[in-house]
Protein backbone atom coordinates (compact mmCIF):
# COMPACT_ATOMS: atom_id res chain seq x y z
CA MET A 1 136.61 186.35 -5.40
CA VAL A 2 139.99 188.13 -6.50
CA GLU A 3 139.07 191.20 -4.16
CA SER A 4 139.10 189.11 -0.91
CA GLY A 5 142.35 187.44 -1.83
CA LEU A 6 144.22 190.41 -2.45
CA VAL A 7 142.48 191.95 0.96
CA ALA A 8 143.91 188.33 2.76
CA ILE A 9 147.59 189.02 1.02
CA GLY A 10 147.21 193.01 2.13
CA ALA A 11 146.44 191.86 5.62
CA GLY A 12 149.55 188.97 5.42
CA LEU A 13 151.76 191.81 4.44
CA ALA A 14 150.46 193.82 7.11
CA ILE A 15 151.45 191.08 9.91
CA GLY A 16 154.42 190.26 8.20
CA LEU A 17 156.11 193.14 7.47
CA THR A 18 155.56 194.58 11.13
CA ALA A 19 156.78 191.98 12.45
CA ILE A 20 159.93 191.52 10.34
CA ALA A 21 160.87 195.68 11.27
CA ALA A 22 159.80 194.94 15.09
CA GLY A 23 162.22 191.78 15.22
CA ILE A 24 164.91 194.07 13.42
CA ALA A 25 164.06 197.10 15.48
CA GLU A 26 164.78 194.75 19.02
CA LYS A 27 168.22 193.51 17.39
CA GLU A 28 169.76 197.20 17.76
CA ILE A 29 167.63 198.19 20.44
CA GLY A 30 168.47 195.11 22.80
CA ALA A 31 172.59 195.13 21.69
CA ALA A 32 172.57 198.96 22.94
CA ALA A 33 170.96 197.98 26.06
CA VAL A 34 173.06 194.92 26.44
CA GLY A 35 175.95 197.38 26.85
CA ALA A 36 174.41 199.93 28.73
CA MET A 37 173.58 197.50 31.13
CA ALA A 38 177.05 196.24 31.14
CA GLU A 39 178.61 199.82 32.31
CA LYS A 40 175.55 200.88 34.37
CA GLU A 41 173.52 198.04 36.00
CA GLU A 42 171.28 201.27 36.57
CA ALA A 43 169.98 201.06 33.14
CA PHE A 44 168.18 197.80 33.15
CA GLY A 45 164.73 199.28 33.18
CA LYS A 46 164.61 201.79 30.32
CA GLY A 47 166.91 199.29 28.23
CA LEU A 48 164.19 196.99 29.32
CA ILE A 49 161.26 199.42 28.17
CA LEU A 50 163.08 200.53 24.93
CA THR A 51 163.37 197.08 24.09
CA VAL A 52 159.64 196.61 24.56
CA ILE A 53 158.50 199.56 22.61
CA PRO A 54 159.22 198.45 18.71
CA GLU A 55 156.40 195.70 19.86
CA THR A 56 153.40 198.22 19.20
CA LEU A 57 154.41 197.81 15.31
CA VAL A 58 153.07 194.22 15.41
CA ILE A 59 150.19 195.52 17.36
CA PHE A 60 149.31 198.11 14.97
CA GLY A 61 149.69 195.76 12.19
CA LEU A 62 147.75 193.33 13.78
CA VAL A 63 145.16 196.13 14.12
CA VAL A 64 145.59 196.98 10.62
CA ALA A 65 145.02 192.86 9.39
CA ILE A 66 142.08 192.45 11.44
CA LEU A 67 140.34 195.54 9.61
CA LEU A 68 141.35 194.22 6.49
CA ILE A 69 140.25 190.63 7.03
CA GLY A 70 136.65 192.65 8.55
CA LYS A 71 136.73 193.87 4.66
CA ILE A 72 136.20 190.78 3.30
CA GLY A 73 132.80 189.96 4.44
CA GLY A 74 131.40 193.36 2.88
CA VAL A 75 133.35 192.80 -0.59
């Protein structure tokens, strides 16, 4: 009982903390990308790609959360 609760807390932390980290990273990258595009419009593609990269953090967090939730059935 307690073990499944701790696993659920771990899954929530895996998603929550990665989402916060991705948001902070996107804020910094987005500001830099907008500044670069203001100077050179050709930088749009690179700025878009660099803005999307932090989202992989959330995908990794989601995978970890799914794996942890799968452990609840085995506990």
